[in-house]
Amino acid sequence: MKTKLYSLMLACAAIPLFSQVGINTATPTATLDVNGTLKVRDVPAATALPGYQVLAVNQGTTQVFSMDPALLTGASATNTSVYAAKKTSGLNILSLGTLPADFQPVNFVQADRNIGTASLFTNADGSYNIPSTGVYAVGFAFRYGTGLQASLLSGAPGIAIARTRAAVTTLIDTRPFSGINLALAINLTLSDSSINSLYSFQAGDKVSFGLVDTGNISVTLLGSSVASFYIYKVSN
């Protein structure tokens, strides 16, 4: 009886000495090394996805499976940064003293959107509000009048995308309208232009879409012009 008691005491005393426990394996390589399926009865909720591998719990069997994180961003996921708008009538340009003198944004408003959340856009200055820091795909297309003018526009008018950060506005991309000289003194301005690229933004930035060097832009032709843009986040 004493021998059995001593043996039990020695076994209990030895338990804290082992830092790794294996189930179905004699050579554990972690604090708990399970060679087999796993059931978790209580799983706390995470507020973010910190790693590259996801463990999913079957709610019926409580069995845990590994899962590709890409599945979380499949067709059922929603990209809340997506916004697109098009203006086909009533187009004008805004004169805002807070922006560079050579840049005037198109008077886009929330009602012009064809996809996206209205709260992402500010009517007063015609700007899209960046909801979170990251890389965004941006496109801006503009057709001045019919897109073809019978004379060359003086200066260097064109389209531009501007970013306002901490009350400082910077032109991040521009495309001038191009002109050609033909025989018999025929001059043409090709006033149909577009910009499509990727840009890095910070949360709280404002993105505006407009024209530069507008001194020779006709208000009458603006009324028959068409403008559209899209923007959405593609990466952190």
C-alpha atoms as a PDB file:
ATOM      1  CA  MET A   1       0.000   0.000   0.000  1.00  0.00           C
ATOM      2  CA  LYS A   2       2.859   2.377   0.880  1.00  0.00           C
ATOM      3  CA  THR A   3       4.574   1.535  -2.376  1.00  0.00           C
ATOM      4  CA  LYS A   4       1.458   2.458  -4.383  1.00  0.00           C
ATOM      5  CA  LEU A   5       1.051   5.685  -2.431  1.00  0.00           C
ATOM      6  CA  TYR A   6       4.654   6.706  -3.010  1.00  0.00           C
ATOM      7  CA  SER A   7       4.313   5.923  -6.696  1.00  0.00           C
ATOM      8  CA  LEU A   8       1.186   8.107  -6.975  1.00  0.00           C
ATOM      9  CA  MET A   9       2.900  10.977  -5.141  1.00  0.00           C
ATOM     10  CA  LEU A  10       5.915  10.759  -7.441  1.00  0.00           C
ATOM     11  CA  ALA A  11       3.674  10.742 -10.512  1.00  0.00           C
ATOM     12  CA  CYS A  12       1.777  13.817  -9.324  1.00  0.00           C
ATOM     13  CA  ALA A  13       5.001  15.624  -8.451  1.00  0.00           C
ATOM     14  CA  ALA A  14       6.370  14.972 -11.923  1.00  0.00           C
ATOM     15  CA  ILE A  15       3.392  16.509 -13.787  1.00  0.00           C
ATOM     16  CA  PRO A  16       4.583  20.178 -13.560  1.00  0.00           C
ATOM     17  CA  LEU A  17       7.975  19.141 -14.993  1.00  0.00           C
ATOM     18  CA  PHE A  18       6.459  18.437 -18.416  1.00  0.00           C
ATOM     19  CA  SER A  19       5.976  21.617 -20.483  1.00  0.00           C
ATOM     20  CA  GLN A  20       4.455  19.829 -23.496  1.00  0.00           C
ATOM     21  CA  VAL A  21       1.483  17.488 -23.672  1.00  0.00           C
ATOM     22  CA  GLY A  22       0.744  15.259 -26.619  1.00  0.00           C
ATOM     23  CA  ILE A  23      -2.529  13.605 -27.551  1.00  0.00           C
ATOM     24  CA  ASN A  24      -2.129  10.672 -29.939  1.00  0.00           C
ATOM     25  CA  THR A  25       1.587  11.513 -30.192  1.00  0.00           C
ATOM     26  CA  ALA A  26       4.519  10.508 -27.990  1.00  0.00           C
ATOM     27  CA  THR A  27       6.662  13.409 -29.201  1.00  0.00           C
ATOM     28  CA  PRO A  28       4.709  16.671 -28.773  1.00  0.00           C
ATOM     29  CA  THR A  29       6.287  19.775 -30.305  1.00  0.00           C
ATOM     30  CA  ALA A  30       4.028  22.384 -28.700  1.00  0.00           C
ATOM     31  CA  THR A  31       2.438  23.070 -25.334  1.00  0.00           C
ATOM     32  CA  LEU A  32      -0.549  21.081 -26.569  1.00  0.00           C
ATOM     33  CA  ASP A  33       0.091  18.894 -29.621  1.00  0.00           C
ATOM     34  CA  VAL A  34      -3.060  17.181 -30.873  1.00  0.00           C
ATOM     35  CA  ASN A  35      -2.599  14.511 -33.529  1.00  0.00           C
ATOM     36  CA  GLY A  36      -6.210  14.200 -34.598  1.00  0.00           C
ATOM     37  CA  THR A  37      -9.429  16.157 -34.886  1.00  0.00           C
ATOM     38  CA  LEU A  38     -10.211  18.976 -32.481  1.00  0.00           C
ATOM     39  CA  LYS A  39     -13.443  20.151 -30.894  1.00  0.00           C
ATOM     40  CA  VAL A  40     -13.624  23.533 -29.174  1.00  0.00           C
ATOM     41  CA  ARG A  41     -16.624  24.107 -26.913  1.00  0.00           C
ATOM     42  CA  ASP A  42     -16.078  27.823 -26.227  1.00  0.00           C
ATOM     43  CA  VAL A  43     -14.503  30.198 -28.796  1.00  0.00           C
ATOM     44  CA  PRO A  44     -14.107  33.937 -28.008  1.00  0.00           C
ATOM     45  CA  ALA A  45     -14.873  36.329 -30.870  1.00  0.00           C
ATOM     46  CA  ALA A  46     -11.966  38.217 -32.508  1.00  0.00           C
ATOM     47  CA  THR A  47     -12.302  41.867 -33.558  1.00  0.00           C
ATOM     48  CA  ALA A  48      -9.904  41.556 -36.521  1.00  0.00           C
ATOM     49  CA  LEU A  49      -8.123  39.063 -38.749  1.00  0.00           C
ATOM     50  CA  PRO A  50      -4.506  39.267 -37.505  1.00  0.00           C
ATOM     51  CA  GLY A  51      -2.923  36.310 -39.313  1.00  0.00           C
ATOM     52  CA  TYR A  52      -2.819  34.423 -42.568  1.00  0.00           C
ATOM     53  CA  GLN A  53      -4.678  31.271 -41.534  1.00  0.00           C
ATOM     54  CA  VAL A  54      -8.249  31.055 -40.317  1.00  0.00           C
ATOM     55  CA  LEU A  55      -9.739  28.378 -38.087  1.00  0.00           C
ATOM     56  CA  ALA A  56     -13.447  27.855 -38.681  1.00  0.00           C
ATOM     57  CA  VAL A  57     -15.760  26.118 -36.208  1.00  0.00           C
ATOM     58  CA  ASN A  58     -18.602  23.950 -37.448  1.00  0.00           C
ATOM     59  CA  GLN A  59     -21.535  25.118 -35.354  1.00  0.00           C
ATOM     60  CA  GLY A  60     -23.188  21.718 -35.531  1.00  0.00           C
ATOM     61  CA  THR A  61     -20.276  19.459 -34.544  1.00  0.00           C
ATOM     62  CA  THR A  62     -17.957  22.061 -32.912  1.00  0.00           C
ATOM     63  CA  GLN A  63     -15.150  20.589 -35.031  1.00  0.00           C
ATOM     64  CA  VAL A  64     -12.414  22.996 -36.135  1.00  0.00           C
ATOM     65  CA  PHE A  65     -11.264  23.235 -39.782  1.00  0.00           C
ATOM     66  CA  SER A  66      -8.526  25.293 -41.464  1.00  0.00           C
ATOM     67  CA  MET A  67      -9.815  27.735 -44.044  1.00  0.00           C
ATOM     68  CA  ASP A  68      -8.344  29.930 -46.797  1.00  0.00           C
ATOM     69  CA  PRO A  69      -8.843  33.619 -45.801  1.00  0.00           C
ATOM     70  CA  ALA A  70      -9.637  34.380 -49.456  1.00  0.00           C
ATOM     71  CA  LEU A  71     -12.966  32.647 -48.909  1.00  0.00           C
ATOM     72  CA  LEU A  72     -13.922  35.473 -46.551  1.00  0.00           C
ATOM     73  CA  THR A  73     -13.661  38.001 -49.382  1.00  0.00           C
ATOM     74  CA  GLY A  74     -15.652  36.046 -51.926  1.00  0.00           C
ATOM     75  CA  ALA A  75     -18.808  37.054 -53.741  1.00  0.00           C
ATOM     76  CA  SER A  76     -20.783  37.344 -50.523  1.00  0.00           C
ATOM     77  CA  ALA A  77     -18.412  39.967 -49.074  1.00  0.00           C
ATOM     78  CA  THR A  78     -19.079  43.684 -49.506  1.00  0.00           C
ATOM     79  CA  ASN A  79     -16.444  46.293 -50.303  1.00  0.00           C
ATOM     80  CA  THR A  80     -17.924  49.299 -48.537  1.00  0.00           C
ATOM     81  CA  SER A  81     -15.460  51.712 -50.197  1.00  0.00           C
ATOM     82  CA  VAL A  82     -16.929  51.227 -53.695  1.00  0.00           C
ATOM     83  CA  TYR A  83     -18.363  54.393 -55.236  1.00  0.00           C
ATOM     84  CA  ALA A  84     -19.155  55.392 -58.807  1.00  0.00           C
ATOM     85  CA  ALA A  85     -20.986  58.385 -60.259  1.00  0.00           C
ATOM     86  CA  LYS A  86     -21.856  59.837 -63.655  1.00  0.00           C
ATOM     87  CA  LYS A  87     -23.079  63.297 -64.585  1.00  0.00           C
ATOM     88  CA  THR A  88     -24.770  63.670 -67.962  1.00  0.00           C
ATOM     89  CA  SER A  89     -26.628  66.951 -67.496  1.00  0.00           C
ATOM     90  CA  GLY A  90     -26.274  70.127 -65.492  1.00  0.00           C
ATOM     91  CA  LEU A  91     -22.498  69.735 -65.431  1.00  0.00           C
ATOM     92  CA  ASN A  92     -20.545  72.703 -64.155  1.00  0.00           C
ATOM     93  CA  ILE A  93     -17.330  73.389 -62.304  1.00  0.00           C
ATOM     94  CA  LEU A  94     -17.031  74.684 -58.760  1.00  0.00           C
ATOM     95  CA  SER A  95     -15.014  77.734 -57.734  1.00  0.00           C
ATOM     96  CA  LEU A  96     -13.696  77.034 -54.248  1.00  0.00           C
ATOM     97  CA  GLY A  97     -11.166  79.360 -52.682  1.00  0.00           C
ATOM     98  CA  THR A  98      -9.686  76.525 -50.642  1.00  0.00           C
ATOM     99  CA  LEU A  99      -8.453  74.681 -53.767  1.00  0.00           C
ATOM    100  CA  PRO A 100      -5.556  75.575 -56.084  1.00  0.00           C
ATOM    101  CA  ALA A 101      -6.498  78.384 -58.487  1.00  0.00           C
ATOM    102  CA  ASP A 102      -5.838  76.240 -61.575  1.00  0.00           C
ATOM    103  CA  PHE A 103      -8.110  73.356 -60.438  1.00  0.00           C
ATOM    104  CA  GLN A 104     -11.904  73.386 -60.376  1.00  0.00           C
ATOM    105  CA  PRO A 105     -13.847  70.234 -59.416  1.00  0.00           C
ATOM    106  CA  VAL A 106     -16.866  69.017 -61.344  1.00  0.00           C
ATOM    107  CA  ASN A 107     -20.098  69.658 -59.435  1.00  0.00           C
ATOM    108  CA  PHE A 108     -20.748  65.990 -58.686  1.00  0.00           C
ATOM    109  CA  VAL A 109     -23.348  65.392 -55.964  1.00  0.00           C
ATOM    110  CA  GLN A 110     -24.586  62.333 -54.111  1.00  0.00           C
ATOM    111  CA  ALA A 111     -27.573  62.067 -56.467  1.00  0.00           C
ATOM    112  CA  ASP A 112     -25.189  61.392 -59.376  1.00  0.00           C
ATOM    113  CA  ARG A 113     -23.956  58.112 -57.904  1.00  0.00           C
ATOM    114  CA  ASN A 114     -24.924  54.821 -59.508  1.00  0.00           C
ATOM    115  CA  ILE A 115     -23.299  52.680 -56.824  1.00  0.00           C
ATOM    116  CA  GLY A 116     -21.989  53.306 -53.319  1.00  0.00           C
ATOM    117  CA  THR A 117     -23.004  54.846 -50.010  1.00  0.00           C
ATOM    118  CA  ALA A 118     -24.074  58.498 -50.082  1.00  0.00           C
ATOM    119  CA  SER A 119     -22.125  59.248 -46.886  1.00  0.00           C
ATOM    120  CA  LEU A 120     -18.857  58.660 -48.759  1.00  0.00           C
ATOM    121  CA  PHE A 121     -19.406  61.855 -50.747  1.00  0.00           C
ATOM    122  CA  THR A 122     -19.587  65.557 -49.833  1.00  0.00           C
ATOM    123  CA  ASN A 123     -21.822  67.681 -52.070  1.00  0.00           C
ATOM    124  CA  ALA A 124     -20.403  71.058 -51.000  1.00  0.00           C
ATOM    125  CA  ASP A 125     -16.967  70.490 -52.541  1.00  0.00           C
ATOM    126  CA  GLY A 126     -17.695  67.535 -54.840  1.00  0.00           C
ATOM    127  CA  SER A 127     -15.327  65.168 -53.053  1.00  0.00           C
ATOM    128  CA  TYR A 128     -15.149  61.472 -52.176  1.00  0.00           C
ATOM    129  CA  ASN A 129     -14.151  60.805 -48.553  1.00  0.00           C
ATOM    130  CA  ILE A 130     -11.513  58.093 -48.058  1.00  0.00           C
ATOM    131  CA  PRO A 131     -12.927  55.756 -45.364  1.00  0.00           C
ATOM    132  CA  SER A 132      -9.698  53.859 -44.523  1.00  0.00           C
ATOM    133  CA  THR A 133      -5.996  54.011 -45.315  1.00  0.00           C
ATOM    134  CA  GLY A 134      -4.848  51.917 -48.274  1.00  0.00           C
ATOM    135  CA  VAL A 135      -4.405  51.653 -52.026  1.00  0.00           C
ATOM    136  CA  TYR A 136      -7.366  52.634 -54.191  1.00  0.00           C
ATOM    137  CA  ALA A 137      -8.217  52.077 -57.845  1.00  0.00           C
ATOM    138  CA  VAL A 138      -9.457  55.355 -59.324  1.00  0.00           C
ATOM    139  CA  GLY A 139     -10.867  56.232 -62.718  1.00  0.00           C
ATOM    140  CA  PHE A 140     -12.045  59.584 -64.081  1.00  0.00           C
ATOM    141  CA  ALA A 141     -13.453  60.199 -67.570  1.00  0.00           C
ATOM    142  CA  PHE A 142     -14.509  63.525 -69.045  1.00  0.00           C
ATOM    143  CA  ARG A 143     -15.945  64.500 -72.419  1.00  0.00           C
ATOM    144  CA  TYR A 144     -16.036  68.240 -73.051  1.00  0.00           C
ATOM    145  CA  GLY A 145     -18.983  68.976 -75.335  1.00  0.00           C
ATOM    146  CA  THR A 146     -18.931  66.404 -78.136  1.00  0.00           C
ATOM    147  CA  GLY A 147     -15.310  65.526 -77.346  1.00  0.00           C
ATOM    148  CA  LEU A 148     -14.070  67.237 -80.503  1.00  0.00           C
ATOM    149  CA  GLN A 149     -13.691  71.007 -80.920  1.00  0.00           C
ATOM    150  CA  ALA A 150     -13.125  72.801 -84.246  1.00  0.00           C
ATOM    151  CA  SER A 151     -10.302  74.913 -82.870  1.00  0.00           C
ATOM    152  CA  LEU A 152      -7.373  74.460 -80.523  1.00  0.00           C
ATOM    153  CA  LEU A 153      -8.037  75.536 -76.954  1.00  0.00           C
ATOM    154  CA  SER A 154      -5.379  77.982 -75.810  1.00  0.00           C
ATOM    155  CA  GLY A 155      -3.425  77.228 -72.671  1.00  0.00           C
ATOM    156  CA  ALA A 156      -3.290  73.656 -71.422  1.00  0.00           C
ATOM    157  CA  PRO A 157      -6.794  72.671 -70.269  1.00  0.00           C
ATOM    158  CA  GLY A 158      -7.362  69.109 -69.179  1.00  0.00           C
ATOM    159  CA  ILE A 159      -8.707  66.857 -66.458  1.00  0.00           C
ATOM    160  CA  ALA A 160      -7.236  66.223 -63.026  1.00  0.00           C
ATOM    161  CA  ILE A 161      -7.641  64.258 -59.808  1.00  0.00           C
ATOM    162  CA  ALA A 162      -6.896  66.156 -56.595  1.00  0.00           C
ATOM    163  CA  ARG A 163      -6.291  64.972 -53.036  1.00  0.00           C
ATOM    164  CA  THR A 164      -6.973  67.154 -50.006  1.00  0.00           C
ATOM    165  CA  ARG A 165      -5.176  66.138 -46.819  1.00  0.00           C
ATOM    166  CA  ALA A 166      -5.047  68.277 -43.674  1.00  0.00           C
ATOM    167  CA  ALA A 167      -6.551  71.210 -45.630  1.00  0.00           C
ATOM    168  CA  VAL A 168      -3.785  71.039 -48.275  1.00  0.00           C
ATOM    169  CA  THR A 169      -4.872  70.132 -51.821  1.00  0.00           C
ATOM    170  CA  THR A 170      -2.460  68.430 -54.225  1.00  0.00           C
ATOM    171  CA  LEU A 171      -3.024  67.415 -57.839  1.00  0.00           C
ATOM    172  CA  ILE A 172      -2.099  63.731 -57.940  1.00  0.00           C
ATOM    173  CA  ASP A 173      -2.721  63.156 -61.659  1.00  0.00           C
ATOM    174  CA  THR A 174      -3.575  65.179 -64.774  1.00  0.00           C
ATOM    175  CA  ARG A 175      -4.323  64.558 -68.461  1.00  0.00           C
ATOM    176  CA  PRO A 176      -4.346  67.518 -70.902  1.00  0.00           C
ATOM    177  CA  PHE A 177      -6.746  67.720 -73.802  1.00  0.00           C
ATOM    178  CA  SER A 178      -4.766  67.066 -76.958  1.00  0.00           C
ATOM    179  CA  GLY A 179      -4.900  69.064 -80.196  1.00  0.00           C
ATOM    180  CA  ILE A 180      -3.940  68.386 -83.802  1.00  0.00           C
ATOM    181  CA  ASN A 181      -3.170  70.653 -86.753  1.00  0.00           C
ATOM    182  CA  LEU A 182      -4.491  69.429 -90.079  1.00  0.00           C
ATOM    183  CA  ALA A 183      -4.041  70.744 -93.601  1.00  0.00           C
ATOM    184  CA  LEU A 184      -5.733  73.950 -94.729  1.00  0.00           C
ATOM    185  CA  ALA A 185      -5.332  75.497 -91.294  1.00  0.00           C
ATOM    186  CA  ILE A 186      -7.851  73.157 -89.701  1.00  0.00           C
ATOM    187  CA  ASN A 187      -7.220  72.852 -85.958  1.00  0.00           C
ATOM    188  CA  LEU A 188      -8.950  70.346 -83.688  1.00  0.00           C
ATOM    189  CA  THR A 189      -9.007  69.813 -79.939  1.00  0.00           C
ATOM    190  CA  LEU A 190      -9.645  66.245 -78.766  1.00  0.00           C
ATOM    191  CA  SER A 191     -11.437  66.993 -75.517  1.00  0.00           C
ATOM    192  CA  ASP A 192     -12.337  63.447 -74.493  1.00  0.00           C
ATOM    193  CA  SER A 193      -9.902  62.270 -71.822  1.00  0.00           C
ATOM    194  CA  SER A 194      -9.615  59.767 -68.979  1.00  0.00           C
ATOM    195  CA  ILE A 195      -7.370  58.768 -66.072  1.00  0.00           C
ATOM    196  CA  ASN A 196      -7.165  55.234 -64.618  1.00  0.00           C
ATOM    197  CA  SER A 197      -4.575  54.289 -62.020  1.00  0.00           C
ATOM    198  CA  LEU A 198      -3.804  53.231 -58.418  1.00  0.00           C
ATOM    199  CA  TYR A 199      -3.139  55.716 -55.607  1.00  0.00           C
ATOM    200  CA  SER A 200      -2.312  55.548 -51.892  1.00  0.00           C
ATOM    201  CA  PHE A 201      -4.618  57.458 -49.570  1.00  0.00           C
ATOM    202  CA  GLN A 202      -4.996  58.009 -45.846  1.00  0.00           C
ATOM    203  CA  ALA A 203      -8.252  57.806 -43.927  1.00  0.00           C
ATOM    204  CA  GLY A 204      -9.915  61.223 -44.016  1.00  0.00           C
ATOM    205  CA  ASP A 205      -8.419  62.291 -47.351  1.00  0.00           C
ATOM    206  CA  LYS A 206     -10.776  63.926 -49.846  1.00  0.00           C
ATOM    207  CA  VAL A 207     -10.560  63.074 -53.553  1.00  0.00           C
ATOM    208  CA  SER A 208     -11.912  65.513 -56.149  1.00  0.00           C
ATOM    209  CA  PHE A 209     -12.388  65.204 -59.904  1.00  0.00           C
ATOM    210  CA  GLY A 210     -12.227  68.276 -62.118  1.00  0.00           C
ATOM    211  CA  LEU A 211     -10.558  70.442 -64.745  1.00  0.00           C
ATOM    212  CA  VAL A 212      -7.330  72.439 -64.847  1.00  0.00           C
ATOM    213  CA  ASP A 213      -6.562  75.662 -66.723  1.00  0.00           C
ATOM    214  CA  THR A 214     -10.219  76.358 -67.369  1.00  0.00           C
ATOM    215  CA  GLY A 215      -9.854  79.951 -68.626  1.00  0.00           C
ATOM    216  CA  ASN A 216     -11.011  79.058 -72.144  1.00  0.00           C
ATOM    217  CA  ILE A 217     -13.651  76.496 -71.169  1.00  0.00           C
ATOM    218  CA  SER A 218     -17.111  77.452 -72.433  1.00  0.00           C
ATOM    219  CA  VAL A 219     -19.952  77.345 -69.915  1.00  0.00           C
ATOM    220  CA  THR A 220     -22.318  76.467 -72.771  1.00  0.00           C
ATOM    221  CA  LEU A 221     -20.242  73.435 -73.781  1.00  0.00           C
ATOM    222  CA  LEU A 222     -19.946  72.356 -70.157  1.00  0.00           C
ATOM    223  CA  GLY A 223     -23.712  71.979 -70.070  1.00  0.00           C
ATOM    224  CA  SER A 224     -23.521  69.302 -72.767  1.00  0.00           C
ATOM    225  CA  SER A 225     -20.452  67.599 -71.309  1.00  0.00           C
ATOM    226  CA  VAL A 226     -20.351  64.203 -69.598  1.00  0.00           C
ATOM    227  CA  ALA A 227     -18.194  63.187 -66.618  1.00  0.00           C
ATOM    228  CA  SER A 228     -17.906  60.004 -64.578  1.00  0.00           C
ATOM    229  CA  PHE A 229     -15.628  58.500 -61.952  1.00  0.00           C
ATOM    230  CA  TYR A 230     -15.179  55.360 -59.888  1.00  0.00           C
ATOM    231  CA  ILE A 231     -13.103  54.609 -56.811  1.00  0.00           C
ATOM    232  CA  TYR A 232     -12.664  51.609 -54.535  1.00  0.00           C
ATOM    233  CA  LYS A 233     -10.076  50.192 -52.127  1.00  0.00           C
ATOM    234  CA  VAL A 234      -7.967  47.296 -53.426  1.00  0.00           C
ATOM    235  CA  SER A 235      -5.328  46.816 -50.721  1.00  0.00           C
ATOM    236  CA  ASN A 236      -4.169  47.920 -47.283  1.00  0.00           C
END
